[in-house]
Amino acid sequence: MPSANTRKKPAPSRARASAGAKPKKPRKPAKPIAEMNKEELDALDVTLIWKEYQATGSQRLRDYFLERYLPLVRYNAERVHARLPDEVDVEDLMSAGVFGLMDAIDAFDLSRAVKFETYCAPRIRGAILDELRSMDWVPRLVRHRTAKVETVRQRIEMQTGVKPTQDEIAECLGVDDEEFKKIQRDSSAVGVISLSRNWRQSDGGREVREIDVIRDEKQTNPLTETQRRDLKSLITRGLTRAERLIMILYYYEELTMKEIGATLDLSESRVSQMHSLIVARLQAQMLHREREFEPTR
């Protein structure tokens, strides 16, 4: 039997052996990173990919980063779009956000020990906001003055419980009447909306746009014009030329009796007398044709 002195000592436990061990570095793949496909890059540690890109500047790796972090662009674009009018397209915001993502990829410094997702979010959002400012036709000073006047108005209304006057707002802003009028003109800038934006969703699923429901004051209703023409023909039927002119000039051209008399070379009293006779005769005719105007069932 072996003696107690020659007995082997038990091996240290794994936990004790690994307690003071240094963390292992990611193993470098045998295949060049720049030649890997998307599936192989996804399975690889992203730190190795960043090191390879910053060392080589590979366009293929840059495209991979663009595709990998594109959901961040959509996420930030949708958050900004939630507070904007409907006519702003989220795809336009994403296009601007992609430029911010590209700038973030080029400027990212791996040695700062910051996650790229944390680093690129402000750049994407900043690119989107810059694009919105370039699309806004109203100067930023006007927007600032508008917000300032509205803030003062709300504060006074909350304190007093009544709608403030212009003098109260001017006094709170610390400006004179002339300056306040200028601020008020700037703050009441006309807004611009798109006639192609959705007005409401119809029952059939068809989108109804603003241009579909806007009222055209210059356009006439064909039915109204037809009824007007038929009524004129009915009223003037059986009248002499002078009588027809009196009715047309008075009711359709809206001339006065004096103006009609000057047109027909008659006195104002004669025109008034003829008008009364014509109206009495037409009333008698309409009584006999009353049933023709009853709605059909």
Protein backbone atom coordinates (compact mmCIF):
# COMPACT_ATOMS: atom_id res chain seq x y z
CA MET A 1 0.00 0.00 0.00
CA PRO A 2 1.30 3.42 -0.71
CA SER A 3 2.25 5.47 2.29
CA ALA A 4 0.38 8.53 3.45
CA ASN A 5 3.24 10.73 2.23
CA THR A 6 3.06 9.43 -1.34
CA ARG A 7 -0.75 9.84 -1.64
CA LYS A 8 -1.67 12.32 -4.40
CA LYS A 9 -3.17 15.61 -3.34
CA PRO A 10 -6.69 16.29 -4.57
CA ALA A 11 -6.89 18.61 -7.55
CA PRO A 12 -8.25 22.10 -6.81
CA SER A 13 -11.89 22.58 -7.61
CA ARG A 14 -12.90 24.25 -10.87
CA ALA A 15 -14.52 27.11 -9.09
CA ARG A 16 -11.32 27.81 -7.17
CA ALA A 17 -9.16 27.46 -10.25
CA SER A 18 -11.30 29.77 -12.32
CA ALA A 19 -11.79 32.35 -9.59
CA GLY A 20 -8.62 34.27 -10.37
CA ALA A 21 -8.51 33.44 -14.07
CA LYS A 22 -8.69 36.29 -16.59
CA PRO A 23 -11.68 36.41 -18.97
CA LYS A 24 -10.94 34.88 -22.31
CA LYS A 25 -10.81 37.12 -25.33
CA PRO A 26 -13.12 36.33 -28.22
CA ARG A 27 -11.54 33.82 -30.50
CA LYS A 28 -10.55 35.22 -33.84
CA PRO A 29 -12.24 33.27 -36.64
CA ALA A 30 -10.15 31.49 -39.19
CA LYS A 31 -12.10 32.97 -42.12
CA PRO A 32 -11.54 36.69 -42.85
CA ILE A 33 -14.37 38.70 -41.37
CA ALA A 34 -14.75 40.88 -44.44
CA GLU A 35 -15.53 37.78 -46.52
CA MET A 36 -18.26 36.39 -44.24
CA ASN A 37 -21.92 36.45 -45.16
CA LYS A 38 -24.67 37.96 -43.01
CA GLU A 39 -25.46 34.74 -41.14
CA GLU A 40 -21.82 34.23 -40.22
CA LEU A 41 -21.46 37.84 -39.10
CA ASP A 42 -24.59 37.60 -36.94
CA ALA A 43 -23.10 34.61 -35.11
CA LEU A 44 -19.85 36.50 -34.51
CA ASP A 45 -19.03 38.82 -31.61
CA VAL A 46 -19.89 42.34 -32.80
CA THR A 47 -16.72 43.72 -31.16
CA LEU A 48 -14.57 41.76 -33.61
CA ILE A 49 -16.60 43.13 -36.52
CA TRP A 50 -16.14 46.70 -35.31
CA LYS A 51 -12.40 46.20 -34.91
CA GLU A 52 -12.15 44.79 -38.41
CA TYR A 53 -14.20 47.64 -39.88
CA GLN A 54 -12.23 50.36 -38.13
CA ALA A 55 -8.98 48.73 -39.23
CA THR A 56 -9.94 48.17 -42.88
CA GLY A 57 -12.89 50.46 -43.57
CA SER A 58 -14.57 47.67 -45.52
CA GLN A 59 -17.62 48.84 -47.47
CA ARG A 60 -19.13 45.40 -47.05
CA LEU A 61 -18.98 45.64 -43.26
CA ARG A 62 -20.38 49.16 -43.41
CA ASP A 63 -23.38 47.89 -45.35
CA TYR A 64 -23.77 45.12 -42.79
CA PHE A 65 -23.92 47.67 -39.96
CA LEU A 66 -26.48 49.73 -41.89
CA GLU A 67 -28.71 46.70 -42.29
CA ARG A 68 -28.16 45.54 -38.71
CA TYR A 69 -29.07 48.85 -37.06
CA LEU A 70 -31.81 49.95 -39.49
CA PRO A 71 -34.56 49.02 -36.97
CA LEU A 72 -33.15 51.75 -34.70
CA VAL A 73 -33.84 54.26 -37.45
CA ARG A 74 -37.47 53.14 -37.77
CA TYR A 75 -37.92 53.19 -33.99
CA ASN A 76 -36.70 56.78 -33.64
CA ALA A 77 -38.57 57.94 -36.76
CA GLU A 78 -41.86 56.54 -35.47
CA ARG A 79 -41.37 58.19 -32.07
CA VAL A 80 -40.84 61.59 -33.71
CA HIS A 81 -43.70 60.99 -36.17
CA ALA A 82 -46.16 60.34 -33.32
CA ARG A 83 -46.13 64.09 -32.46
CA LEU A 84 -46.34 65.38 -36.04
CA PRO A 85 -49.30 66.03 -38.39
CA ASP A 86 -50.54 63.25 -40.63
CA GLU A 87 -49.17 64.84 -43.80
CA VAL A 88 -45.58 64.16 -42.66
CA ASP A 89 -44.55 60.78 -44.04
CA VAL A 90 -42.65 58.49 -41.70
CA GLU A 91 -40.65 57.18 -44.67
CA ASP A 92 -39.21 60.67 -45.21
CA LEU A 93 -38.13 60.76 -41.58
CA MET A 94 -36.49 57.34 -41.96
CA SER A 95 -34.57 58.55 -45.01
CA ALA A 96 -33.14 61.39 -42.95
CA GLY A 97 -32.42 59.02 -40.05
CA VAL A 98 -30.38 56.74 -42.31
CA PHE A 99 -27.94 59.60 -42.94
CA GLY A 100 -27.59 60.02 -39.19
CA LEU A 101 -26.90 56.30 -38.86
CA MET A 102 -24.21 56.48 -41.55
CA ASP A 103 -22.51 59.36 -39.77
CA ALA A 104 -22.66 57.44 -36.49
CA ILE A 105 -21.02 54.37 -38.09
CA ASP A 106 -18.19 56.47 -39.49
CA ALA A 107 -17.58 58.37 -36.23
CA PHE A 108 -18.02 55.52 -33.73
CA ASP A 109 -15.00 54.99 -31.46
CA LEU A 110 -14.78 51.49 -30.02
CA SER A 111 -12.20 52.54 -27.41
CA ARG A 112 -14.76 54.62 -25.50
CA ALA A 113 -16.48 51.42 -24.30
CA VAL A 114 -19.94 52.70 -25.23
CA LYS A 115 -22.56 50.55 -26.92
CA PHE A 116 -23.20 51.62 -30.48
CA GLU A 117 -26.97 51.57 -29.91
CA THR A 118 -26.57 54.19 -27.19
CA TYR A 119 -24.19 56.27 -29.28
CA CYS A 120 -26.17 56.35 -32.53
CA ALA A 121 -29.66 57.15 -31.15
CA PRO A 122 -29.00 60.91 -30.60
CA ARG A 123 -27.39 61.19 -34.02
CA ILE A 124 -30.36 59.54 -35.75
CA ARG A 125 -32.81 61.73 -33.90
CA GLY A 126 -30.75 64.85 -34.63
CA ALA A 127 -30.68 64.08 -38.35
CA ILE A 128 -34.47 63.66 -38.35
CA LEU A 129 -35.01 66.96 -36.52
CA ASP A 130 -32.63 68.77 -38.87
CA GLU A 131 -34.65 67.49 -41.82
CA LEU A 132 -37.89 68.71 -40.20
CA ARG A 133 -36.38 72.16 -39.66
CA SER A 134 -35.34 72.34 -43.30
CA MET A 135 -38.89 71.38 -44.36
CA ASP A 136 -40.47 74.04 -42.13
CA TRP A 137 -41.12 77.25 -44.11
CA VAL A 138 -41.71 79.28 -40.93
CA PRO A 139 -38.48 80.69 -39.37
CA ARG A 140 -37.43 79.35 -35.99
CA LEU A 141 -37.71 82.86 -34.47
CA VAL A 142 -41.40 82.91 -35.38
CA ARG A 143 -41.93 79.52 -33.76
CA HIS A 144 -40.11 80.71 -30.65
CA ARG A 145 -42.25 83.86 -30.36
CA THR A 146 -45.42 81.86 -30.91
CA ALA A 147 -44.53 79.47 -28.11
CA LYS A 148 -43.58 82.38 -25.84
CA VAL A 149 -46.88 84.22 -26.30
CA GLU A 150 -48.87 81.01 -25.83
CA THR A 151 -46.97 80.16 -22.63
CA VAL A 152 -47.68 83.59 -21.15
CA ARG A 153 -51.34 83.41 -22.15
CA GLN A 154 -51.80 80.01 -20.49
CA ARG A 155 -50.00 81.12 -17.32
CA ILE A 156 -52.17 84.23 -16.89
CA GLU A 157 -55.33 82.26 -17.60
CA MET A 158 -54.40 79.65 -14.98
CA GLN A 159 -53.70 82.34 -12.40
CA THR A 160 -56.78 84.51 -12.99
CA GLY A 161 -59.26 81.99 -14.39
CA VAL A 162 -60.23 84.31 -17.27
CA LYS A 163 -58.89 84.86 -20.76
CA PRO A 164 -56.14 87.52 -20.63
CA THR A 165 -56.26 90.71 -22.67
CA GLN A 166 -53.54 91.83 -25.06
CA ASP A 167 -52.39 94.51 -22.61
CA GLU A 168 -51.95 91.93 -19.84
CA ILE A 169 -49.91 89.66 -22.12
CA ALA A 170 -47.74 92.59 -23.27
CA GLU A 171 -47.14 93.66 -19.69
CA CYS A 172 -46.16 90.12 -18.68
CA LEU A 173 -43.78 89.91 -21.65
CA GLY A 174 -42.27 93.29 -20.77
CA VAL A 175 -42.75 94.87 -24.20
CA ASP A 176 -44.55 97.96 -25.44
CA ASP A 177 -47.63 97.99 -27.67
CA GLU A 178 -45.69 98.33 -30.93
CA GLU A 179 -43.38 95.43 -30.11
CA PHE A 180 -46.30 93.28 -28.97
CA LYS A 181 -48.14 93.92 -32.24
CA LYS A 182 -45.06 92.75 -34.11
CA ILE A 183 -44.83 89.62 -31.95
CA GLN A 184 -48.53 88.99 -32.48
CA ARG A 185 -48.15 89.27 -36.25
CA ASP A 186 -45.29 86.79 -36.17
CA SER A 187 -47.11 84.41 -33.86
CA SER A 188 -50.17 84.31 -36.10
CA ALA A 189 -48.37 82.97 -39.14
CA VAL A 190 -50.55 81.11 -41.60
CA GLY A 191 -50.16 77.34 -41.52
CA VAL A 192 -49.86 75.13 -44.57
CA ILE A 193 -51.57 71.77 -44.86
CA SER A 194 -51.50 69.15 -47.57
CA LEU A 195 -54.68 68.59 -49.56
CA SER A 196 -53.58 64.98 -50.07
CA ARG A 197 -53.72 64.06 -46.38
CA ASN A 198 -56.50 61.81 -45.12
CA TRP A 199 -59.65 63.58 -43.98
CA ARG A 200 -61.39 60.49 -42.64
CA GLN A 201 -61.67 56.76 -43.29
CA SER A 202 -64.81 55.86 -45.20
CA ASP A 203 -66.95 52.84 -44.48
CA GLY A 204 -65.80 51.06 -47.61
CA GLY A 205 -62.14 51.39 -46.72
CA ARG A 206 -61.55 54.11 -49.30
CA GLU A 207 -59.40 56.98 -48.08
CA VAL A 208 -61.12 60.37 -48.23
CA ARG A 209 -58.63 63.19 -48.71
CA GLU A 210 -58.91 66.89 -47.90
CA ILE A 211 -59.16 67.75 -51.60
CA ASP A 212 -62.19 65.45 -51.92
CA VAL A 213 -64.28 67.39 -49.38
CA ILE A 214 -63.07 70.97 -49.82
CA ARG A 215 -65.80 73.30 -51.03
CA ASP A 216 -65.36 75.12 -54.32
CA GLU A 217 -67.18 78.44 -54.03
CA LYS A 218 -66.80 79.19 -57.75
CA GLN A 219 -68.37 75.97 -58.98
CA THR A 220 -72.12 75.94 -59.64
CA ASN A 221 -74.50 73.07 -59.02
CA PRO A 222 -75.80 71.75 -62.38
CA LEU A 223 -79.16 70.80 -60.83
CA THR A 224 -79.62 74.27 -59.35
CA GLU A 225 -78.78 75.90 -62.68
CA THR A 226 -81.26 73.66 -64.52
CA GLN A 227 -84.03 74.46 -62.05
CA ARG A 228 -83.23 78.17 -62.27
CA ARG A 229 -83.41 78.09 -66.08
CA ASP A 230 -86.69 76.13 -66.11
CA LEU A 231 -88.25 78.49 -63.56
CA LYS A 232 -87.21 81.51 -65.61
CA SER A 233 -88.74 80.00 -68.73
CA LEU A 234 -91.97 79.19 -66.88
CA ILE A 235 -92.33 82.65 -65.36
CA THR A 236 -91.61 84.57 -68.54
CA ARG A 237 -93.81 82.38 -70.74
CA GLY A 238 -96.66 84.40 -72.28
CA LEU A 239 -95.19 87.78 -71.35
CA THR A 240 -94.42 90.60 -73.73
CA ARG A 241 -90.85 91.68 -74.33
CA ALA A 242 -91.12 94.64 -71.93
CA GLU A 243 -92.77 92.51 -69.24
CA ARG A 244 -90.14 89.78 -69.62
CA LEU A 245 -87.33 92.32 -69.30
CA ILE A 246 -88.88 93.80 -66.17
CA MET A 247 -89.05 90.40 -64.47
CA ILE A 248 -85.57 89.36 -65.53
CA LEU A 249 -83.92 92.68 -64.65
CA TYR A 250 -85.68 92.91 -61.29
CA TYR A 251 -85.40 89.34 -60.02
CA TYR A 252 -82.33 87.96 -61.79
CA GLU A 253 -80.17 91.03 -62.44
CA GLU A 254 -81.32 92.67 -59.15
CA LEU A 255 -81.80 96.14 -60.63
CA THR A 256 -84.00 98.76 -58.95
CA MET A 257 -87.24 100.06 -60.44
CA LYS A 258 -85.52 103.33 -61.27
CA GLU A 259 -82.68 101.54 -63.11
CA ILE A 260 -85.16 99.37 -65.02
CA GLY A 261 -87.12 102.46 -66.05
CA ALA A 262 -83.94 104.11 -67.34
CA THR A 263 -83.14 100.96 -69.32
CA LEU A 264 -86.60 100.61 -70.89
CA ASP A 265 -87.23 104.40 -71.20
CA LEU A 266 -90.15 104.24 -68.76
CA SER A 267 -90.94 106.08 -65.56
CA GLU A 268 -90.29 104.43 -62.23
CA SER A 269 -93.99 104.48 -61.35
CA ARG A 270 -94.90 102.83 -64.67
CA VAL A 271 -92.36 100.08 -64.07
CA SER A 272 -93.76 99.53 -60.56
CA GLN A 273 -97.33 99.37 -61.93
CA MET A 274 -96.37 96.87 -64.64
CA HIS A 275 -94.52 94.77 -62.09
CA SER A 276 -97.57 94.58 -59.81
CA LEU A 277 -99.82 93.54 -62.72
CA ILE A 278 -97.36 90.89 -63.86
CA VAL A 279 -97.03 89.42 -60.36
CA ALA A 280 -100.81 89.29 -59.92
CA ARG A 281 -101.23 87.55 -63.26
CA LEU A 282 -98.45 85.03 -62.50
CA GLN A 283 -99.99 84.25 -59.13
CA ALA A 284 -103.26 83.45 -60.80
CA GLN A 285 -101.48 81.20 -63.30
CA MET A 286 -99.56 79.38 -60.58
CA LEU A 287 -102.76 78.61 -58.66
CA HIS A 288 -104.06 76.67 -61.65
CA ARG A 289 -100.72 74.79 -62.00
CA GLU A 290 -100.13 74.17 -58.30
CA ARG A 291 -100.54 70.39 -58.65
CA GLU A 292 -97.65 70.29 -61.16
CA PHE A 293 -95.24 71.37 -58.41
CA GLU A 294 -96.29 68.70 -55.95
CA PRO A 295 -93.58 66.06 -55.35
CA THR A 296 -94.22 62.75 -57.08
CA ARG A 297 -94.62 59.67 -54.91
